[in-house]
Structures are given as structure tokens and as C-alpha cells.
Amino acid sequence: MDISLQLFSIKEEMKEDFARGLELTRKAGYGGVEFAGYFGFSPEKIKELLAQYQLKAVSTHAGIGRLREAFEEELEYAVKLGYSLIVCPMLPCKTKDQIIEDAEFLEACAQRAAKKGILIGYHNHAHEFVKFDGQYAQDILLETAPSLKFEPDVFWIAYAGVDPVEYLSPLVQAGRICAVHAKELAREGKDNVYIGQGKIDFKAIAKLCPPSVYPYIVEQEEFSSDHFDGISQSYQGLKKVFDQL
């Protein structure tokens, strides 16, 4: 079972030297990547580099602006690179009406993408766990867009004061989960520490969402060491959890 890296974690390295960023990802132990932009590289060139570094493309993040303006190009990258998941990484969620409007757009995207065997997902932060009329923004989004899948970021769920396992259990049963963003919350405070150094119960999450079924994607936003060491430590921390299952 491969663990993938959200390449936003090393965005500076990717921007400076795309190939070097992929090389570091592989050296840290990862077997797959989730994109956050392509830095001007064609899908053909990226496919060549992925093969060179023995990495698999599992998904991509594409903002709602990108989906509105270049949806067909995103589908083209997915088809040519062989992944079947495109994830919207954030919505503002400031009003219920705006959530519904954005959700309806994502539902339309999901229906279009399905014709090519591609899923559209949504990745949360903490603000989706503000309530409107007694309902989480995240739930309004998923309820309004029944074809939309969910890529939960367990750090942000816990950051919002919600138990990830409790929240995700019914969504797993309903078949709404498409992948898991693995990110660690500090035992005290709300820093993003390396996996294994915080308080999130990744073993319970892995039992609920088995890594043999769901792609696990590490995203490291904060570092207490250099980037390579940080992504390496989080990889090892998550691998240790999987080895104990």
C-alpha cells in the first residue's frame, strides 16, 4: 500500500525544480503524488518524470476558479496521467446560499467527469465545520452535491474540534470518501506537526478507512526541520501505523 505526498508540501522545491521535487518525494519513501498545479509542464513530460522516479499520480487539487475556467484541461491531465480523482481544495463557505451555489457547480462537474471515469472530490479545512441553520457547511455541500466525493483532511477536522472517526463513519458507510489527507495535529495547541508526534488517532482512522482501499495522501504545511526531513518523518510515522494494522 503506497503512501502519496500532496506536492503542495514542497511547493517551493517543485516551483524551483519540478524534477528535483519528484526525486525528493521518492527518496522520502512515497510511491505516489497528488498535484497542486503543474508549473507549466505538459502531461506528457510529467508522465515521463513520474516513470523516471517510479511515482504514481493518484489525484490533483484544482481550485474552483480553475475548474470554472479550465475544466477540460484538468480532465485531459487526469486521463493522460492515469489518475481518476480531481479535488477542489477549498471553498469560502461564507453563506449557506453561496455553499449551495458552489455545490451545484461541483455536482455538474462531477456528472461531466463521470463520463470519463473520473471522480470530483472536495478537500476540507476547518471553516466547513461552522454551522448554518444547525448543519455543518461540509454536510450542506455533500447533501447538495450527491455525486461529489469527499477527501477528508483529518487535521482540519480535529482542528475544528470534531472527532474525525465519529464524523467520517457515516460518510464511509455512504460511500462518499475517495481518499484521506493525513496530517497531524499537535498534542497541545493547533500546530501541524509530523505524523506520530501529535494526537490524531491514525490507527482508528486507518481501521475505518483501510489504506488497502483508500489512497492516503500526506500533506505537511508546517515544518520544524527542512522540508525533506519533514516529509520523510511524516511518511515514516504513517507507515508505522499501517505496519501495525
Protein backbone atom coordinates (compact mmCIF):
# COMPACT_ATOMS: atom_id res chain seq x y z
CA MET A 1 0.00 0.00 0.00
CA ASP A 2 1.63 3.19 -1.21
CA ILE A 3 1.56 6.47 0.66
CA SER A 4 1.35 9.57 -1.51
CA LEU A 5 2.50 13.14 -0.98
CA GLN A 6 0.49 16.27 -1.70
CA LEU A 7 3.13 18.21 -3.62
CA PHE A 8 1.93 21.48 -2.10
CA SER A 9 4.00 20.32 0.88
CA ILE A 10 7.16 21.05 -1.09
CA LYS A 11 5.78 23.76 -3.36
CA GLU A 12 8.98 25.82 -3.23
CA GLU A 13 11.06 22.85 -4.41
CA MET A 14 8.51 22.00 -7.10
CA LYS A 15 8.49 25.57 -8.39
CA GLU A 16 12.28 25.80 -8.43
CA ASP A 17 12.98 22.38 -9.95
CA PHE A 18 9.98 20.17 -10.73
CA ALA A 19 12.05 17.05 -11.36
CA ARG A 20 14.07 17.55 -8.18
CA GLY A 21 10.85 17.82 -6.19
CA LEU A 22 9.70 14.47 -7.53
CA GLU A 23 13.10 12.97 -6.78
CA LEU A 24 12.91 14.15 -3.15
CA THR A 25 9.40 12.73 -2.87
CA ARG A 26 10.58 9.30 -3.98
CA LYS A 27 13.67 9.40 -1.75
CA ALA A 28 11.43 10.16 1.25
CA GLY A 29 9.63 6.87 0.60
CA TYR A 30 6.47 7.96 -1.17
CA GLY A 31 5.03 5.91 -4.00
CA GLY A 32 2.51 8.41 -5.28
CA VAL A 33 1.78 12.11 -5.65
CA GLU A 34 -1.18 14.45 -5.60
CA PHE A 35 -0.61 17.53 -7.74
CA ALA A 36 -1.29 21.15 -6.81
CA GLY A 37 -0.58 22.71 -10.18
CA TYR A 38 1.71 21.58 -12.98
CA PHE A 39 4.17 24.50 -13.18
CA GLY A 40 3.87 24.73 -16.94
CA PHE A 41 4.76 21.09 -17.60
CA SER A 42 2.74 19.12 -20.12
CA PRO A 43 1.09 15.85 -19.09
CA GLU A 44 3.46 14.04 -21.45
CA LYS A 45 6.56 15.45 -19.72
CA ILE A 46 5.12 14.82 -16.26
CA LYS A 47 4.33 11.22 -17.20
CA GLU A 48 7.95 10.79 -18.29
CA LEU A 49 9.25 12.20 -14.98
CA LEU A 50 6.88 10.09 -12.90
CA ALA A 51 8.15 6.97 -14.63
CA GLN A 52 11.74 8.09 -14.08
CA TYR A 53 11.20 8.40 -10.33
CA GLN A 54 8.83 5.42 -10.03
CA LEU A 55 5.94 7.52 -8.79
CA LYS A 56 2.23 7.13 -9.47
CA ALA A 57 -0.14 10.07 -9.96
CA VAL A 58 -3.14 9.48 -7.69
CA SER A 59 -5.03 12.79 -7.88
CA THR A 60 -4.82 16.55 -8.22
CA HIS A 61 -6.07 19.64 -6.44
CA ALA A 62 -7.75 22.24 -8.67
CA GLY A 63 -9.37 25.36 -7.24
CA ILE A 64 -12.92 26.27 -8.16
CA GLY A 65 -11.63 29.09 -10.37
CA ARG A 66 -9.51 26.60 -12.29
CA LEU A 67 -12.47 24.23 -12.58
CA ARG A 68 -14.64 27.03 -13.94
CA GLU A 69 -12.03 28.22 -16.44
CA ALA A 70 -10.11 25.09 -17.50
CA PHE A 71 -12.14 22.03 -16.57
CA GLU A 72 -11.49 20.21 -19.85
CA GLU A 73 -7.74 20.74 -19.44
CA GLU A 74 -7.91 19.24 -15.95
CA LEU A 75 -9.74 16.23 -17.37
CA GLU A 76 -7.04 15.92 -20.03
CA TYR A 77 -4.27 15.84 -17.43
CA ALA A 78 -6.16 13.20 -15.47
CA VAL A 79 -6.71 10.97 -18.47
CA LYS A 80 -3.14 11.28 -19.76
CA LEU A 81 -1.52 10.80 -16.32
CA GLY A 82 -3.81 7.95 -15.37
CA TYR A 83 -5.49 9.24 -12.21
CA SER A 84 -9.23 9.33 -11.63
CA LEU A 85 -9.67 11.95 -8.90
CA ILE A 86 -9.79 15.74 -9.19
CA VAL A 87 -10.27 17.55 -5.87
CA CYS A 88 -11.44 21.07 -5.19
CA PRO A 89 -9.21 22.08 -2.27
CA MET A 90 -11.31 24.82 -0.67
CA LEU A 91 -14.45 26.92 -0.88
CA PRO A 92 -15.14 30.11 1.12
CA CYS A 93 -18.36 28.75 2.75
CA LYS A 94 -19.36 32.20 3.99
CA THR A 95 -23.12 31.88 3.46
CA LYS A 96 -25.49 28.96 3.01
CA ASP A 97 -26.63 30.27 -0.38
CA GLN A 98 -23.06 30.51 -1.60
CA ILE A 99 -22.29 26.97 -0.39
CA ILE A 100 -25.30 25.65 -2.28
CA GLU A 101 -24.34 27.55 -5.44
CA ASP A 102 -20.78 26.21 -5.36
CA ALA A 103 -22.02 22.71 -4.57
CA GLU A 104 -24.34 22.77 -7.57
CA PHE A 105 -21.41 23.73 -9.77
CA LEU A 106 -19.28 20.88 -8.36
CA GLU A 107 -22.17 18.48 -8.90
CA ALA A 108 -22.29 19.49 -12.56
CA CYS A 109 -18.51 18.94 -12.77
CA ALA A 110 -18.87 15.51 -11.18
CA GLN A 111 -21.52 14.48 -13.67
CA ARG A 112 -19.38 15.64 -16.59
CA ALA A 113 -16.26 13.95 -15.24
CA ALA A 114 -18.08 10.68 -14.63
CA LYS A 115 -18.44 10.25 -18.39
CA LYS A 116 -14.66 9.81 -18.49
CA GLY A 117 -14.46 7.65 -15.37
CA ILE A 118 -13.16 10.50 -13.21
CA LEU A 119 -14.36 11.48 -9.73
CA ILE A 120 -14.66 15.01 -8.40
CA GLY A 121 -13.91 15.42 -4.71
CA TYR A 122 -13.74 18.13 -2.07
CA HIS A 123 -10.99 18.71 0.50
CA ASN A 124 -11.95 20.45 3.73
CA HIS A 125 -10.34 22.93 6.06
CA ALA A 126 -11.76 23.93 9.45
CA HIS A 127 -14.29 26.54 8.33
CA GLU A 128 -16.54 23.90 6.75
CA PHE A 129 -17.42 22.91 10.32
CA VAL A 130 -19.22 26.17 11.02
CA LYS A 131 -22.96 25.58 11.16
CA PHE A 132 -25.70 27.20 9.10
CA ASP A 133 -29.21 26.52 10.38
CA GLY A 134 -27.80 23.82 12.63
CA GLN A 135 -25.95 22.00 9.86
CA TYR A 136 -22.22 21.92 9.08
CA ALA A 137 -21.25 23.68 5.86
CA GLN A 138 -19.48 20.44 4.90
CA ASP A 139 -22.73 18.50 5.20
CA ILE A 140 -24.66 21.09 3.19
CA LEU A 141 -22.04 20.77 0.46
CA LEU A 142 -22.23 16.98 0.31
CA GLU A 143 -26.02 16.94 0.58
CA THR A 144 -26.41 19.41 -2.28
CA ALA A 145 -23.90 17.58 -4.50
CA PRO A 146 -24.72 13.86 -4.24
CA SER A 147 -22.14 12.88 -6.88
CA LEU A 148 -19.34 14.76 -5.13
CA LYS A 149 -16.85 12.67 -3.17
CA PHE A 150 -15.01 13.78 -0.03
CA GLU A 151 -11.27 13.83 0.63
CA PRO A 152 -11.22 14.47 4.40
CA ASP A 153 -8.28 16.32 5.88
CA VAL A 154 -8.22 14.80 9.36
CA PHE A 155 -6.02 17.58 10.75
CA TRP A 156 -8.57 20.26 9.90
CA ILE A 157 -11.49 18.18 11.17
CA ALA A 158 -9.74 17.76 14.52
CA TYR A 159 -8.61 21.41 14.44
CA ALA A 160 -12.29 22.39 14.25
CA GLY A 161 -12.97 20.38 17.42
CA VAL A 162 -14.72 17.49 15.66
CA ASP A 163 -13.75 13.84 16.14
CA PRO A 164 -12.55 12.57 12.71
CA VAL A 165 -13.60 8.95 13.24
CA GLU A 166 -17.03 9.88 14.53
CA TYR A 167 -17.63 12.34 11.73
CA LEU A 168 -16.34 10.13 8.93
CA SER A 169 -18.03 6.85 9.94
CA PRO A 170 -21.42 7.54 8.29
CA LEU A 171 -19.71 9.01 5.22
CA VAL A 172 -17.66 5.85 4.79
CA GLN A 173 -20.83 3.78 5.01
CA ALA A 174 -22.48 6.05 2.45
CA GLY A 175 -19.57 5.64 0.02
CA ARG A 176 -18.67 9.33 -0.03
CA ILE A 177 -14.95 9.03 0.85
CA CYS A 178 -12.47 9.00 -2.05
CA ALA A 179 -9.10 9.46 -0.28
CA VAL A 180 -7.70 10.57 3.07
CA HIS A 181 -5.45 13.56 3.74
CA ALA A 182 -3.10 12.54 6.54
CA LYS A 183 -1.91 15.50 8.55
CA GLU A 184 -1.02 15.61 12.25
CA LEU A 185 -2.35 17.96 14.95
CA ALA A 186 -0.08 18.80 17.90
CA ARG A 187 -0.98 17.33 21.29
CA GLU A 188 -1.18 20.86 22.65
CA GLY A 189 -2.05 23.89 20.59
CA LYS A 190 -3.00 23.72 16.93
CA ASP A 191 0.29 23.33 15.08
CA ASN A 192 0.73 20.91 12.19
CA VAL A 193 3.46 18.57 13.46
CA TYR A 194 4.90 15.43 11.89
CA ILE A 195 2.74 12.31 11.87
CA GLY A 196 3.28 10.34 15.07
CA GLN A 197 4.16 13.43 17.11
CA GLY A 198 0.59 14.59 17.69
CA LYS A 199 -2.75 13.41 18.98
CA ILE A 200 -4.69 12.20 15.95
CA ASP A 201 -5.59 8.52 16.19
CA PHE A 202 -4.39 7.42 12.76
CA LYS A 203 -4.79 3.76 13.66
CA ALA A 204 -8.52 4.24 14.26
CA ILE A 205 -8.79 6.24 11.04
CA ALA A 206 -6.94 3.52 9.11
CA LYS A 207 -9.27 0.87 10.52
CA LEU A 208 -12.25 2.94 9.40
CA CYS A 209 -10.70 3.80 6.02
CA PRO A 210 -8.33 0.90 5.20
CA PRO A 211 -5.25 2.01 3.25
CA SER A 212 -5.77 -1.01 1.00
CA VAL A 213 -8.97 0.67 -0.19
CA TYR A 214 -8.42 4.42 0.19
CA PRO A 215 -5.41 6.42 -1.03
CA TYR A 216 -3.61 8.12 1.86
CA ILE A 217 -2.02 11.44 1.00
CA VAL A 218 0.34 13.21 3.39
CA GLU A 219 0.23 16.98 3.41
CA GLN A 220 2.76 18.81 5.57
CA GLU A 221 2.08 22.52 5.91
CA GLU A 222 4.37 23.35 8.84
CA PHE A 223 7.96 22.19 9.34
CA SER A 224 10.25 22.10 12.37
CA SER A 225 13.15 20.90 10.18
CA ASP A 226 14.00 21.08 6.49
CA HIS A 227 11.31 20.01 4.05
CA PHE A 228 12.89 16.71 3.06
CA ASP A 229 13.30 15.67 6.69
CA GLY A 230 9.74 16.74 7.45
CA ILE A 231 8.06 14.79 4.67
CA SER A 232 10.30 11.82 5.49
CA GLN A 233 9.28 11.85 9.16
CA SER A 234 5.58 12.05 8.33
CA TYR A 235 5.97 9.22 5.83
CA GLN A 236 7.67 7.04 8.44
CA GLY A 237 5.07 7.94 11.06
CA LEU A 238 2.18 6.90 8.84
CA LYS A 239 3.97 3.79 7.57
CA LYS A 240 4.46 2.70 11.18
CA VAL A 241 0.70 2.93 11.73
CA PHE A 242 0.00 0.87 8.62
CA ASP A 243 2.60 -1.74 9.61
CA GLN A 244 0.72 -2.26 12.90
CA LEU A 245 -2.67 -2.91 11.32
